[in-house]
Amino acid sequence: MDDYTAVSVSNSTLPITTECDPTTHQNTIRSAHQFTFDHHLTSKITQMAWDDGTGFAPDLPTHLHSSIGFALLASAFGLGFLFTTLPKTGFPTTELIPALMASLLTGFGVVFLFNAAGVYV
């Protein structure tokens, strides 16, 4: 009996569920015993992958997070000063680009400073 054939369990207390085979789109009836077996197999595969995996290494060294955060926030405040002191026109296209850049720099600057303080978000 292959993995995707119907299984009938009669006079059993095990719950029975149906499952759809993604390759043939046919429903399959599976018992709780089969799910338990699949769970144990998945747990072993997951544990093997965890043991063979490498640890997380950030792309940027963590000692640079505070410097990068302060530089990004200083740039954001500079751009904020720039778009607030520009002469007002009818449509604020000259203010829009520095404002968006300041917003983006502020967001990344705050995240880098959080990471520098040990709050990993």
PDB file of N, CA and C in Angstrom:
ATOM      1  N   MET A   1       0.858  -1.153   0.000  1.00  0.00           N
ATOM      2  CA  MET A   1       0.000   0.000   0.000  1.00  0.00           C
ATOM      3  C   MET A   1       0.914   1.228   0.000  1.00  0.00           C
ATOM      4  N   ASP A   2       0.739   2.125  -0.950  1.00  0.00           N
ATOM      5  CA  ASP A   2       1.597   3.304  -1.012  1.00  0.00           C
ATOM      6  C   ASP A   2       1.114   4.357  -0.021  1.00  0.00           C
ATOM      7  N   ASP A   3       1.825   5.474   0.028  1.00  0.00           N
ATOM      8  CA  ASP A   3       1.591   6.483   1.055  1.00  0.00           C
ATOM      9  C   ASP A   3       0.273   7.224   0.881  1.00  0.00           C
ATOM     10  N   TYR A   4      -0.295   7.238  -0.299  1.00  0.00           N
ATOM     11  CA  TYR A   4      -1.481   8.050  -0.549  1.00  0.00           C
ATOM     12  C   TYR A   4      -2.713   7.221  -0.908  1.00  0.00           C
ATOM     13  N   THR A   5      -2.816   6.018  -0.386  1.00  0.00           N
ATOM     14  CA  THR A   5      -4.027   5.233  -0.604  1.00  0.00           C
ATOM     15  C   THR A   5      -4.929   5.370   0.606  1.00  0.00           C
ATOM     16  N   ALA A   6      -6.187   5.113   0.399  1.00  0.00           N
ATOM     17  CA  ALA A   6      -7.163   5.278   1.479  1.00  0.00           C
ATOM     18  C   ALA A   6      -6.972   4.188   2.518  1.00  0.00           C
ATOM     19  N   VAL A   7      -7.073   4.554   3.766  1.00  0.00           N
ATOM     20  CA  VAL A   7      -6.941   3.618   4.872  1.00  0.00           C
ATOM     21  C   VAL A   7      -8.258   3.619   5.622  1.00  0.00           C
ATOM     22  N   SER A   8      -8.813   2.449   5.853  1.00  0.00           N
ATOM     23  CA  SER A   8     -10.058   2.383   6.622  1.00  0.00           C
ATOM     24  C   SER A   8      -9.753   1.753   7.969  1.00  0.00           C
ATOM     25  N   VAL A   9     -10.214   2.384   9.014  1.00  0.00           N
ATOM     26  CA  VAL A   9     -10.032   1.872  10.364  1.00  0.00           C
ATOM     27  C   VAL A   9     -11.423   1.612  10.915  1.00  0.00           C
ATOM     28  N   SER A  10     -11.724   0.346  11.173  1.00  0.00           N
ATOM     29  CA  SER A  10     -13.052   0.018  11.691  1.00  0.00           C
ATOM     30  C   SER A  10     -12.938  -0.385  13.155  1.00  0.00           C
ATOM     31  N   ASN A  11     -13.958  -0.049  13.928  1.00  0.00           N
ATOM     32  CA  ASN A  11     -14.029  -0.380  15.349  1.00  0.00           C
ATOM     33  C   ASN A  11     -12.793   0.118  16.101  1.00  0.00           C
ATOM     34  N   SER A  12     -12.388   1.319  15.810  1.00  0.00           N
ATOM     35  CA  SER A  12     -11.204   1.870  16.446  1.00  0.00           C
ATOM     36  C   SER A  12     -11.561   3.176  17.133  1.00  0.00           C
ATOM     37  N   THR A  13     -10.825   3.502  18.179  1.00  0.00           N
ATOM     38  CA  THR A  13     -11.048   4.772  18.863  1.00  0.00           C
ATOM     39  C   THR A  13     -10.143   5.865  18.321  1.00  0.00           C
ATOM     40  N   LEU A  14      -9.299   5.542  17.359  1.00  0.00           N
ATOM     41  CA  LEU A  14      -8.409   6.543  16.782  1.00  0.00           C
ATOM     42  C   LEU A  14      -9.200   7.490  15.894  1.00  0.00           C
ATOM     43  N   PRO A  15      -8.960   8.776  16.019  1.00  0.00           N
ATOM     44  CA  PRO A  15      -9.658   9.698  15.112  1.00  0.00           C
ATOM     45  C   PRO A  15      -9.150   9.533  13.686  1.00  0.00           C
ATOM     46  N   ILE A  16     -10.044   9.734  12.754  1.00  0.00           N
ATOM     47  CA  ILE A  16      -9.697   9.586  11.344  1.00  0.00           C
ATOM     48  C   ILE A  16      -9.871  10.940  10.675  1.00  0.00           C
ATOM     49  N   THR A  17      -8.885  11.311   9.877  1.00  0.00           N
ATOM     50  CA  THR A  17      -8.954  12.574   9.145  1.00  0.00           C
ATOM     51  C   THR A  17      -8.680  12.308   7.682  1.00  0.00           C
ATOM     52  N   THR A  18      -9.015  13.266   6.862  1.00  0.00           N
ATOM     53  CA  THR A  18      -8.724  13.138   5.441  1.00  0.00           C
ATOM     54  C   THR A  18      -7.610  14.095   5.084  1.00  0.00           C
ATOM     55  N   GLU A  19      -6.860  13.725   4.087  1.00  0.00           N
ATOM     56  CA  GLU A  19      -5.745  14.536   3.621  1.00  0.00           C
ATOM     57  C   GLU A  19      -5.743  14.510   2.102  1.00  0.00           C
ATOM     58  N   CYS A  20      -5.350  15.607   1.494  1.00  0.00           N
ATOM     59  CA  CYS A  20      -5.338  15.697   0.033  1.00  0.00           C
ATOM     60  C   CYS A  20      -3.911  15.562  -0.465  1.00  0.00           C
ATOM     61  N   ASP A  21      -3.687  14.662  -1.408  1.00  0.00           N
ATOM     62  CA  ASP A  21      -2.383  14.499  -2.035  1.00  0.00           C
ATOM     63  C   ASP A  21      -2.173  15.654  -3.011  1.00  0.00           C
ATOM     64  N   PRO A  22      -1.116  16.478  -2.835  1.00  0.00           N
ATOM     65  CA  PRO A  22      -0.941  17.635  -3.712  1.00  0.00           C
ATOM     66  C   PRO A  22      -0.593  17.266  -5.148  1.00  0.00           C
ATOM     67  N   THR A  23      -0.075  16.056  -5.378  1.00  0.00           N
ATOM     68  CA  THR A  23       0.301  15.691  -6.747  1.00  0.00           C
ATOM     69  C   THR A  23      -0.883  15.179  -7.548  1.00  0.00           C
ATOM     70  N   THR A  24      -1.777  14.415  -6.902  1.00  0.00           N
ATOM     71  CA  THR A  24      -2.906  13.851  -7.642  1.00  0.00           C
ATOM     72  C   THR A  24      -4.230  14.487  -7.259  1.00  0.00           C
ATOM     73  N   HIS A  25      -4.237  15.330  -6.231  1.00  0.00           N
ATOM     74  CA  HIS A  25      -5.446  15.997  -5.746  1.00  0.00           C
ATOM     75  C   HIS A  25      -6.534  15.001  -5.357  1.00  0.00           C
ATOM     76  N   GLN A  26      -6.130  13.871  -4.784  1.00  0.00           N
ATOM     77  CA  GLN A  26      -7.081  12.879  -4.307  1.00  0.00           C
ATOM     78  C   GLN A  26      -7.089  12.904  -2.781  1.00  0.00           C
ATOM     79  N   ASN A  27      -8.260  12.762  -2.218  1.00  0.00           N
ATOM     80  CA  ASN A  27      -8.366  12.737  -0.765  1.00  0.00           C
ATOM     81  C   ASN A  27      -7.903  11.392  -0.230  1.00  0.00           C
ATOM     82  N   THR A  28      -7.263  11.429   0.915  1.00  0.00           N
ATOM     83  CA  THR A  28      -6.766  10.230   1.561  1.00  0.00           C
ATOM     84  C   THR A  28      -7.227  10.244   3.008  1.00  0.00           C
ATOM     85  N   ILE A  29      -7.657   9.101   3.482  1.00  0.00           N
ATOM     86  CA  ILE A  29      -8.072   8.982   4.875  1.00  0.00           C
ATOM     87  C   ILE A  29      -6.863   8.486   5.663  1.00  0.00           C
ATOM     88  N   ARG A  30      -6.535   9.210   6.752  1.00  0.00           N
ATOM     89  CA  ARG A  30      -5.384   8.827   7.563  1.00  0.00           C
ATOM     90  C   ARG A  30      -5.817   8.737   9.017  1.00  0.00           C
ATOM     91  N   SER A  31      -5.246   7.794   9.716  1.00  0.00           N
ATOM     92  CA  SER A  31      -5.571   7.637  11.136  1.00  0.00           C
ATOM     93  C   SER A  31      -4.572   8.423  11.977  1.00  0.00           C
ATOM     94  N   ALA A  32      -4.887   8.571  13.262  1.00  0.00           N
ATOM     95  CA  ALA A  32      -4.009   9.299  14.176  1.00  0.00           C
ATOM     96  C   ALA A  32      -2.683   8.573  14.349  1.00  0.00           C
ATOM     97  N   HIS A  33      -2.673   7.245  14.225  1.00  0.00           N
ATOM     98  CA  HIS A  33      -1.431   6.485  14.336  1.00  0.00           C
ATOM     99  C   HIS A  33      -0.457   6.896  13.240  1.00  0.00           C
ATOM    100  N   GLN A  34      -0.947   7.075  12.035  1.00  0.00           N
ATOM    101  CA  GLN A  34      -0.068   7.491  10.944  1.00  0.00           C
ATOM    102  C   GLN A  34       0.467   8.897  11.187  1.00  0.00           C
ATOM    103  N   PHE A  35      -0.363   9.799  11.729  1.00  0.00           N
ATOM    104  CA  PHE A  35       0.102  11.148  12.026  1.00  0.00           C
ATOM    105  C   PHE A  35       1.178  11.125  13.104  1.00  0.00           C
ATOM    106  N   THR A  36       1.034  10.243  14.089  1.00  0.00           N
ATOM    107  CA  THR A  36       2.036  10.131  15.142  1.00  0.00           C
ATOM    108  C   THR A  36       3.353   9.669  14.554  1.00  0.00           C
ATOM    109  N   PHE A  37       3.319   8.699  13.662  1.00  0.00           N
ATOM    110  CA  PHE A  37       4.531   8.222  13.017  1.00  0.00           C
ATOM    111  C   PHE A  37       5.170   9.338  12.201  1.00  0.00           C
ATOM    112  N   ASP A  38       4.359  10.064  11.436  1.00  0.00           N
ATOM    113  CA  ASP A  38       4.889  11.157  10.630  1.00  0.00           C
ATOM    114  C   ASP A  38       5.496  12.236  11.517  1.00  0.00           C
ATOM    115  N   HIS A  39       4.877  12.488  12.670  1.00  0.00           N
ATOM    116  CA  HIS A  39       5.392  13.502  13.585  1.00  0.00           C
ATOM    117  C   HIS A  39       6.765  13.102  14.115  1.00  0.00           C
ATOM    118  N   HIS A  40       6.933  11.825  14.491  1.00  0.00           N
ATOM    119  CA  HIS A  40       8.221  11.371  15.004  1.00  0.00           C
ATOM    120  C   HIS A  40       9.287  11.432  13.919  1.00  0.00           C
ATOM    121  N   LEU A  41       8.943  11.083  12.699  1.00  0.00           N
ATOM    122  CA  LEU A  41       9.897  11.152  11.596  1.00  0.00           C
ATOM    123  C   LEU A  41      10.285  12.598  11.328  1.00  0.00           C
ATOM    124  N   THR A  42       9.314  13.491  11.344  1.00  0.00           N
ATOM    125  CA  THR A  42       9.592  14.907  11.132  1.00  0.00           C
ATOM    126  C   THR A  42      10.462  15.454  12.248  1.00  0.00           C
ATOM    127  N   SER A  43      10.226  15.029  13.475  1.00  0.00           N
ATOM    128  CA  SER A  43      11.034  15.492  14.602  1.00  0.00           C
ATOM    129  C   SER A  43      12.481  15.058  14.452  1.00  0.00           C
ATOM    130  N   LYS A  44      12.700  13.827  14.006  1.00  0.00           N
ATOM    131  CA  LYS A  44      14.071  13.345  13.817  1.00  0.00           C
ATOM    132  C   LYS A  44      14.768  14.105  12.697  1.00  0.00           C
ATOM    133  N   ILE A  45      14.063  14.353  11.603  1.00  0.00           N
ATOM    134  CA  ILE A  45      14.650  15.096  10.490  1.00  0.00           C
ATOM    135  C   ILE A  45      14.972  16.516  10.923  1.00  0.00           C
ATOM    136  N   THR A  46      14.075  17.128  11.672  1.00  0.00           N
ATOM    137  CA  THR A  46      14.304  18.486  12.162  1.00  0.00           C
ATOM    138  C   THR A  46      15.500  18.522  13.098  1.00  0.00           C
ATOM    139  N   GLN A  47      15.635  17.548  13.977  1.00  0.00           N
ATOM    140  CA  GLN A  47      16.763  17.507  14.904  1.00  0.00           C
ATOM    141  C   GLN A  47      18.071  17.320  14.151  1.00  0.00           C
ATOM    142  N   MET A  48      18.089  16.479  13.120  1.00  0.00           N
ATOM    143  CA  MET A  48      19.301  16.284  12.327  1.00  0.00           C
ATOM    144  C   MET A  48      19.682  17.566  11.602  1.00  0.00           C
ATOM    145  N   ALA A  49      18.703  18.278  11.064  1.00  0.00           N
ATOM    146  CA  ALA A  49      18.985  19.538  10.380  1.00  0.00           C
ATOM    147  C   ALA A  49      19.498  20.579  11.367  1.00  0.00           C
ATOM    148  N   TRP A  50      18.945  20.586  12.573  1.00  0.00           N
ATOM    149  CA  TRP A  50      19.386  21.533  13.597  1.00  0.00           C
ATOM    150  C   TRP A  50      20.835  21.246  14.006  1.00  0.00           C
ATOM    151  N   ASP A  51      21.177  19.966  14.168  1.00  0.00           N
ATOM    152  CA  ASP A  51      22.532  19.599  14.570  1.00  0.00           C
ATOM    153  C   ASP A  51      23.554  19.912  13.485  1.00  0.00           C
ATOM    154  N   ASP A  52      23.176  19.768  12.222  1.00  0.00           N
ATOM    155  CA  ASP A  52      24.100  20.009  11.120  1.00  0.00           C
ATOM    156  C   ASP A  52      24.186  21.468  10.712  1.00  0.00           C
ATOM    157  N   GLY A  53      23.261  22.298  11.170  1.00  0.00           N
ATOM    158  CA  GLY A  53      23.211  23.700  10.753  1.00  0.00           C
ATOM    159  C   GLY A  53      24.304  24.536  11.402  1.00  0.00           C
ATOM    160  N   THR A  54      24.498  25.712  10.837  1.00  0.00           N
ATOM    161  CA  THR A  54      25.462  26.657  11.389  1.00  0.00           C
ATOM    162  C   THR A  54      24.711  27.739  12.151  1.00  0.00           C
ATOM    163  N   GLY A  55      25.385  28.355  13.072  1.00  0.00           N
ATOM    164  CA  GLY A  55      24.775  29.412  13.869  1.00  0.00           C
ATOM    165  C   GLY A  55      24.579  30.679  13.057  1.00  0.00           C
ATOM    166  N   PHE A  56      23.752  31.562  13.585  1.00  0.00           N
ATOM    167  CA  PHE A  56      23.480  32.830  12.919  1.00  0.00           C
ATOM    168  C   PHE A  56      24.690  33.741  13.044  1.00  0.00           C
ATOM    169  N   ALA A  57      25.082  34.341  11.943  1.00  0.00           N
ATOM    170  CA  ALA A  57      26.162  35.323  11.934  1.00  0.00           C
ATOM    171  C   ALA A  57      25.651  36.562  11.208  1.00  0.00           C
ATOM    172  N   PRO A  58      25.613  37.726  11.872  1.00  0.00           N
ATOM    173  CA  PRO A  58      25.090  38.930  11.225  1.00  0.00           C
ATOM    174  C   PRO A  58      26.003  39.401  10.102  1.00  0.00           C
ATOM    175  N   ASP A  59      25.406  40.047   9.106  1.00  0.00           N
ATOM    176  CA  ASP A  59      26.190  40.567   7.986  1.00  0.00           C
ATOM    177  C   ASP A  59      27.079  41.725   8.421  1.00  0.00           C
ATOM    178  N   LEU A  60      26.574  42.559   9.308  1.00  0.00           N
ATOM    179  CA  LEU A  60      27.355  43.673   9.849  1.00  0.00           C
ATOM    180  C   LEU A  60      27.804  43.317  11.258  1.00  0.00           C
ATOM    181  N   PRO A  61      29.058  43.606  11.605  1.00  0.00           N
ATOM    182  CA  PRO A  61      29.504  43.302  12.972  1.00  0.00           C
ATOM    183  C   PRO A  61      28.676  44.060  14.008  1.00  0.00           C
ATOM    184  N   THR A  62      28.396  43.427  15.112  1.00  0.00           N
ATOM    185  CA  THR A  62      27.521  44.027  16.112  1.00  0.00           C
ATOM    186  C   THR A  62      28.143  45.237  16.792  1.00  0.00           C
ATOM    187  N   HIS A  63      29.463  45.347  16.819  1.00  0.00           N
ATOM    188  CA  HIS A  63      30.071  46.512  17.458  1.00  0.00           C
ATOM    189  C   HIS A  63      29.899  47.782  16.619  1.00  0.00           C
ATOM    190  N   LEU A  64      29.476  47.651  15.369  1.00  0.00           N
ATOM    191  CA  LEU A  64      29.242  48.818  14.517  1.00  0.00           C
ATOM    192  C   LEU A  64      27.805  49.322  14.571  1.00  0.00           C
ATOM    193  N   HIS A  65      26.912  48.605  15.229  1.00  0.00           N
ATOM    194  CA  HIS A  65      25.496  48.990  15.232  1.00  0.00           C
ATOM    195  C   HIS A  65      25.267  50.376  15.820  1.00  0.00           C
ATOM    196  N   SER A  66      25.966  50.711  16.901  1.00  0.00           N
ATOM    197  CA  SER A  66      25.747  52.033  17.504  1.00  0.00           C
ATOM    198  C   SER A  66      26.242  53.143  16.585  1.00  0.00           C
ATOM    199  N   SER A  67      27.387  52.959  15.949  1.00  0.00           N
ATOM    200  CA  SER A  67      27.910  53.986  15.031  1.00  0.00           C
ATOM    201  C   SER A  67      26.997  54.161  13.828  1.00  0.00           C
ATOM    202  N   ILE A  68      26.537  53.065  13.279  1.00  0.00           N
ATOM    203  CA  ILE A  68      25.638  53.133  12.120  1.00  0.00           C
ATOM    204  C   ILE A  68      24.321  53.794  12.523  1.00  0.00           C
ATOM    205  N   GLY A  69      23.795  53.444  13.688  1.00  0.00           N
ATOM    206  CA  GLY A  69      22.544  54.034  14.164  1.00  0.00           C
ATOM    207  C   GLY A  69      22.650  55.535  14.351  1.00  0.00           C
ATOM    208  N   PHE A  70      23.730  55.990  14.983  1.00  0.00           N
ATOM    209  CA  PHE A  70      23.905  57.434  15.179  1.00  0.00           C
ATOM    210  C   PHE A  70      24.093  58.154  13.849  1.00  0.00           C
ATOM    211  N   ALA A  71      24.836  57.548  12.916  1.00  0.00           N
ATOM    212  CA  ALA A  71      25.034  58.179  11.602  1.00  0.00           C
ATOM    213  C   ALA A  71      23.709  58.283  10.839  1.00  0.00           C
ATOM    214  N   LEU A  72      22.908  57.240  10.891  1.00  0.00           N
ATOM    215  CA  LEU A  72      21.615  57.277  10.202  1.00  0.00           C
ATOM    216  C   LEU A  72      20.681  58.308  10.825  1.00  0.00           C
ATOM    217  N   LEU A  73      20.653  58.385  12.152  1.00  0.00           N
ATOM    218  CA  LEU A  73      19.783  59.366  12.804  1.00  0.00           C
ATOM    219  C   LEU A  73      20.270  60.793  12.575  1.00  0.00           C
ATOM    220  N   ALA A  74      21.591  61.005  12.557  1.00  0.00           N
ATOM    221  CA  ALA A  74      22.113  62.347  12.270  1.00  0.00           C
ATOM    222  C   ALA A  74      21.751  62.762  10.851  1.00  0.00           C
ATOM    223  N   SER A  75      21.854  61.825   9.906  1.00  0.00           N
ATOM    224  CA  SER A  75      21.459  62.122   8.519  1.00  0.00           C
ATOM    225  C   SER A  75      19.968  62.423   8.440  1.00  0.00           C
ATOM    226  N   ALA A  76      19.172  61.685   9.178  1.00  0.00           N
ATOM    227  CA  ALA A  76      17.726  61.908   9.167  1.00  0.00           C
ATOM    228  C   ALA A  76      17.379  63.282   9.732  1.00  0.00           C
ATOM    229  N   PHE A  77      18.029  63.676  10.819  1.00  0.00           N
ATOM    230  CA  PHE A  77      17.753  65.002  11.386  1.00  0.00           C
ATOM    231  C   PHE A  77      18.226  66.104  10.447  1.00  0.00           C
ATOM    232  N   GLY A  78      19.356  65.881   9.763  1.00  0.00           N
ATOM    233  CA  GLY A  78      19.812  66.863   8.770  1.00  0.00           C
ATOM    234  C   GLY A  78      18.817  67.016   7.636  1.00  0.00           C
ATOM    235  N   LEU A  79      18.310  65.905   7.136  1.00  0.00           N
ATOM    236  CA  LEU A  79      17.304  65.973   6.072  1.00  0.00           C
ATOM    237  C   LEU A  79      16.000  66.573   6.589  1.00  0.00           C
ATOM    238  N   GLY A  80      15.656  66.285   7.828  1.00  0.00           N
ATOM    239  CA  GLY A  80      14.462  66.894   8.417  1.00  0.00           C
ATOM    240  C   GLY A  80      14.592  68.403   8.505  1.00  0.00           C
ATOM    241  N   PHE A  81      15.768  68.868   8.886  1.00  0.00           N
ATOM    242  CA  PHE A  81      16.003  70.313   8.913  1.00  0.00           C
ATOM    243  C   PHE A  81      15.923  70.893   7.507  1.00  0.00           C
ATOM    244  N   LEU A  82      16.449  70.140   6.523  1.00  0.00           N
ATOM    245  CA  LEU A  82      16.442  70.616   5.138  1.00  0.00           C
ATOM    246  C   LEU A  82      15.016  70.775   4.618  1.00  0.00           C
ATOM    247  N   PHE A  83      14.170  69.762   4.781  1.00  0.00           N
ATOM    248  CA  PHE A  83      12.834  69.876   4.176  1.00  0.00           C
ATOM    249  C   PHE A  83      11.906  70.789   4.962  1.00  0.00           C
ATOM    250  N   THR A  84      12.256  71.108   6.219  1.00  0.00           N
ATOM    251  CA  THR A  84      11.416  72.080   6.940  1.00  0.00           C
ATOM    252  C   THR A  84      11.813  73.518   6.644  1.00  0.00           C
ATOM    253  N   THR A  85      13.038  73.748   6.161  1.00  0.00           N
ATOM    254  CA  THR A  85      13.477  75.118   5.877  1.00  0.00           C
ATOM    255  C   THR A  85      13.398  75.473   4.407  1.00  0.00           C
ATOM    256  N   LEU A  86      13.058  74.528   3.541  1.00  0.00           N
ATOM    257  CA  LEU A  86      12.918  74.846   2.115  1.00  0.00           C
ATOM    258  C   LEU A  86      11.738  75.784   1.914  1.00  0.00           C
ATOM    259  N   PRO A  87      11.829  76.664   0.910  1.00  0.00           N
ATOM    260  CA  PRO A  87      10.686  77.555   0.656  1.00  0.00           C
ATOM    261  C   PRO A  87       9.461  76.751   0.232  1.00  0.00           C
ATOM    262  N   LYS A  88       8.322  77.172   0.715  1.00  0.00           N
ATOM    263  CA  LYS A  88       7.072  76.463   0.425  1.00  0.00           C
ATOM    264  C   LYS A  88       6.615  76.798  -0.986  1.00  0.00           C
ATOM    265  N   THR A  89       6.236  75.753  -1.726  1.00  0.00           N
ATOM    266  CA  THR A  89       5.715  75.917  -3.079  1.00  0.00           C
ATOM    267  C   THR A  89       4.298  75.382  -3.110  1.00  0.00           C
ATOM    268  N   GLY A  90       3.675  75.479  -4.284  1.00  0.00           N
ATOM    269  CA  GLY A  90       2.303  74.993  -4.415  1.00  0.00           C
ATOM    270  C   GLY A  90       2.202  73.499  -4.160  1.00  0.00           C
ATOM    271  N   PHE A  91       3.044  72.707  -4.818  1.00  0.00           N
ATOM    272  CA  PHE A  91       3.036  71.259  -4.641  1.00  0.00           C
ATOM    273  C   PHE A  91       4.387  70.861  -4.046  1.00  0.00           C
ATOM    274  N   PRO A  92       4.424  70.184  -2.928  1.00  0.00           N
ATOM    275  CA  PRO A  92       5.679  69.967  -2.196  1.00  0.00           C
ATOM    276  C   PRO A  92       6.554  68.836  -2.748  1.00  0.00           C
ATOM    277  N   THR A  93       6.882  68.865  -4.038  1.00  0.00           N
ATOM    278  CA  THR A  93       7.753  67.812  -4.570  1.00  0.00           C
ATOM    279  C   THR A  93       9.170  67.953  -4.052  1.00  0.00           C
ATOM    280  N   THR A  94       9.619  69.198  -3.841  1.00  0.00           N
ATOM    281  CA  THR A  94      10.981  69.375  -3.335  1.00  0.00           C
ATOM    282  C   THR A  94      11.099  68.947  -1.877  1.00  0.00           C
ATOM    283  N   GLU A  95      10.005  68.930  -1.155  1.00  0.00           N
ATOM    284  CA  GLU A  95      10.026  68.494   0.240  1.00  0.00           C
ATOM    285  C   GLU A  95       9.772  66.995   0.387  1.00  0.00           C
ATOM    286  N   LEU A  96       9.137  66.402  -0.590  1.00  0.00           N
ATOM    287  CA  LEU A  96       8.710  65.013  -0.465  1.00  0.00           C
ATOM    288  C   LEU A  96       9.887  64.040  -0.440  1.00  0.00           C
ATOM    289  N   ILE A  97      10.838  64.208  -1.334  1.00  0.00           N
ATOM    290  CA  ILE A  97      11.960  63.262  -1.415  1.00  0.00           C
ATOM    291  C   ILE A  97      12.825  63.313  -0.152  1.00  0.00           C
ATOM    292  N   PRO A  98      13.266  64.500   0.323  1.00  0.00           N
ATOM    293  CA  PRO A  98      14.031  64.499   1.582  1.00  0.00           C
ATOM    294  C   PRO A  98      13.216  63.997   2.776  1.00  0.00           C
ATOM    295  N   ALA A  99      11.919  64.248   2.781  1.00  0.00           N
ATOM    296  CA  ALA A  99      11.086  63.765   3.889  1.00  0.00           C
ATOM    297  C   ALA A  99      11.011  62.244   3.890  1.00  0.00           C
ATOM    298  N   LEU A 100      10.854  61.641   2.723  1.00  0.00           N
ATOM    299  CA  LEU A 100      10.817  60.175   2.647  1.00  0.00           C
ATOM    300  C   LEU A 100      12.164  59.570   3.030  1.00  0.00           C
ATOM    301  N   MET A 101      13.245  60.198   2.574  1.00  0.00           N
ATOM    302  CA  MET A 101      14.577  59.699   2.937  1.00  0.00           C
ATOM    303  C   MET A 101      14.813  59.831   4.442  1.00  0.00           C
ATOM    304  N   ALA A 102      14.384  60.955   5.034  1.00  0.00           N
ATOM    305  CA  ALA A 102      14.544  61.140   6.480  1.00  0.00           C
ATOM    306  C   ALA A 102      13.739  60.103   7.252  1.00  0.00           C
ATOM    307  N   SER A 103      12.558  59.796   6.776  1.00  0.00           N
ATOM    308  CA  SER A 103      11.730  58.785   7.429  1.00  0.00           C
ATOM    309  C   SER A 103      12.390  57.411   7.368  1.00  0.00           C
ATOM    310  N   LEU A 104      12.918  57.066   6.220  1.00  0.00           N
ATOM    311  CA  LEU A 104      13.592  55.777   6.052  1.00  0.00           C
ATOM    312  C   LEU A 104      14.843  55.694   6.925  1.00  0.00           C
ATOM    313  N   LEU A 105      15.637  56.762   6.938  1.00  0.00           N
ATOM    314  CA  LEU A 105      16.848  56.771   7.756  1.00  0.00           C
ATOM    315  C   LEU A 105      16.521  56.714   9.244  1.00  0.00           C
ATOM    316  N   THR A 106      15.452  57.377   9.653  1.00  0.00           N
ATOM    317  CA  THR A 106      15.042  57.331  11.060  1.00  0.00           C
ATOM    318  C   THR A 106      14.638  55.914  11.460  1.00  0.00           C
ATOM    319  N   GLY A 107      13.880  55.254  10.600  1.00  0.00           N
ATOM    320  CA  GLY A 107      13.458  53.884  10.904  1.00  0.00           C
ATOM    321  C   GLY A 107      14.631  52.939  11.064  1.00  0.00           C
ATOM    322  N   PHE A 108      15.566  52.973  10.122  1.00  0.00           N
ATOM    323  CA  PHE A 108      16.726  52.086  10.217  1.00  0.00           C
ATOM    324  C   PHE A 108      17.654  52.501  11.357  1.00  0.00           C
ATOM    325  N   GLY A 109      17.787  53.807  11.599  1.00  0.00           N
ATOM    326  CA  GLY A 109      18.633  54.271  12.695  1.00  0.00           C
ATOM    327  C   GLY A 109      18.133  53.798  14.045  1.00  0.00           C
ATOM    328  N   VAL A 110      16.832  53.854  14.251  1.00  0.00           N
ATOM    329  CA  VAL A 110      16.254  53.398  15.517  1.00  0.00           C
ATOM    330  C   VAL A 110      16.459  51.895  15.686  1.00  0.00           C
ATOM    331  N   VAL A 111      16.290  51.130  14.619  1.00  0.00           N
ATOM    332  CA  VAL A 111      16.491  49.678  14.707  1.00  0.00           C
ATOM    333  C   VAL A 111      17.946  49.365  15.037  1.00  0.00           C
ATOM    334  N   PHE A 112      18.894  50.068  14.412  1.00  0.00           N
ATOM    335  CA  PHE A 112      20.306  49.824  14.711  1.00  0.00           C
ATOM    336  C   PHE A 112      20.639  50.196  16.155  1.00  0.00           C
ATOM    337  N   LEU A 113      20.065  51.286  16.669  1.00  0.00           N
ATOM    338  CA  LEU A 113      20.328  51.650  18.064  1.00  0.00           C
ATOM    339  C   LEU A 113      19.680  50.666  19.033  1.00  0.00           C
ATOM    340  N   PHE A 114      18.499  50.157  18.693  1.00  0.00           N
ATOM    341  CA  PHE A 114      17.901  49.105  19.520  1.00  0.00           C
ATOM    342  C   PHE A 114      18.818  47.884  19.567  1.00  0.00           C
ATOM    343  N   ASN A 115      19.335  47.475  18.408  1.00  0.00           N
ATOM    344  CA  ASN A 115      20.232  46.319  18.362  1.00  0.00           C
ATOM    345  C   ASN A 115      21.510  46.577  19.145  1.00  0.00           C
ATOM    346  N   ALA A 116      22.028  47.807  19.082  1.00  0.00           N
ATOM    347  CA  ALA A 116      23.235  48.142  19.839  1.00  0.00           C
ATOM    348  C   ALA A 116      22.984  48.058  21.339  1.00  0.00           C
ATOM    349  N   ALA A 117      21.759  48.367  21.766  1.00  0.00           N
ATOM    350  CA  ALA A 117      21.406  48.304  23.190  1.00  0.00           C
ATOM    351  C   ALA A 117      21.048  46.886  23.632  1.00  0.00           C
ATOM    352  N   GLY A 118      20.989  45.945  22.701  1.00  0.00           N
ATOM    353  CA  GLY A 118      20.666  44.559  23.047  1.00  0.00           C
ATOM    354  C   GLY A 118      19.207  44.213  22.915  1.00  0.00           C
ATOM    355  N   VAL A 119      18.409  45.116  22.349  1.00  0.00           N
ATOM    356  CA  VAL A 119      16.992  44.842  22.105  1.00  0.00           C
ATOM    357  C   VAL A 119      16.879  44.435  20.645  1.00  0.00           C
ATOM    358  N   TYR A 120      16.843  43.139  20.390  1.00  0.00           N
ATOM    359  CA  TYR A 120      16.846  42.642  19.016  1.00  0.00           C
ATOM    360  C   TYR A 120      15.421  42.554  18.503  1.00  0.00           C
ATOM    361  N   VAL A 121      15.089  43.472  17.610  1.00  0.00           N
ATOM    362  CA  VAL A 121      13.736  43.545  17.051  1.00  0.00           C
ATOM    363  C   VAL A 121      13.717  43.007  15.648  1.00  0.00           C
TER     364      VAL A 121
END
